[in-house]
Amino acid sequence: MERLRARRFAVKAGVCVGGWLLASQATAAGLPAGARFELPPSEHSVGAVILTARGPGVHPITVVLHGMCGDAARACSYFAEQVTQSAHLICPRASARCAGGGASWPEQGVADAVESVVQRAQVALGEAVDDSHGRTLIGYSMGAFRALGIAQSANGRYPRVMLIGAKVALDQPKLEQNGVHRLLLCAGSWDMMHDHMKRETARVQRAGLSARFLDLGPVGHGLTASFVTYLPQALAWLSGS
């Protein structure tokens, strides 16, 4: 019955984008490794780009929130190669459209909208999901602010959090109370957020939180091609390797 419901849901939600796999094909009954599909927005949920893990078996979930006037597919492209080696990748689309293209995250309702689309993705992914050790949450720029807000109220759903290029103010008690076990802050050395994020990392480290700062090299605020060379060590530290 659960598989039948998943299939019906995926048929209703699936769309084909540039040859990407329809969500109706990516169900627990026959989930292809390395598949890509989209979920459209719904009344209470944003849409999302989803890339399944490339290996067989069950895998955890990694959620990536893009930046201001960003694009979920573009953000996903920086993480896809590394993340899908061991996890399903879910990249929600922000709901507030920008005049020049892309979309931004609103001030309110992001946590509920993201959680809703993650749950919809879990239905489509079915038995291929391992949620026993929680999820990884990654946010870039504006997405980092929203990711931090989610992590500080997620009740243990995101024990691993990575924030990139944002002048965040970390609430250590809330992070600990909501089960964040590993927190990684990152910025390029030319990014105006670099020094602030480094100081914030040191501050919560002194207070006992398992946190680390990763310098992304001589780059500014945007994600660049060189980012993928730093991602393996970032993911390894988050996973405790």
Foldseek 3Di string as FASTA:
>chain_A
DLQVVLLVLQVVFFDADPNADRLNCQAPVHHAAQGWTKGPADPQAFIKIKTAARDDAAAAEEEEEEAALDDQVVVCVLVVVPQSPGHIYIYTAADAADPVHGHHHDPDSPLRRHVVNVVSVCSSNDRNYDQPQAYAYEYAENGLQVSQVCLLPVQQRHLFYEYEQYLDQHDLVSNVRSNNQEYEYEYEPAEPNQVNSQVNQVVVVVVPHHYYYDHQYHDYRDDDPSNSVVVVVSVCVRVVD
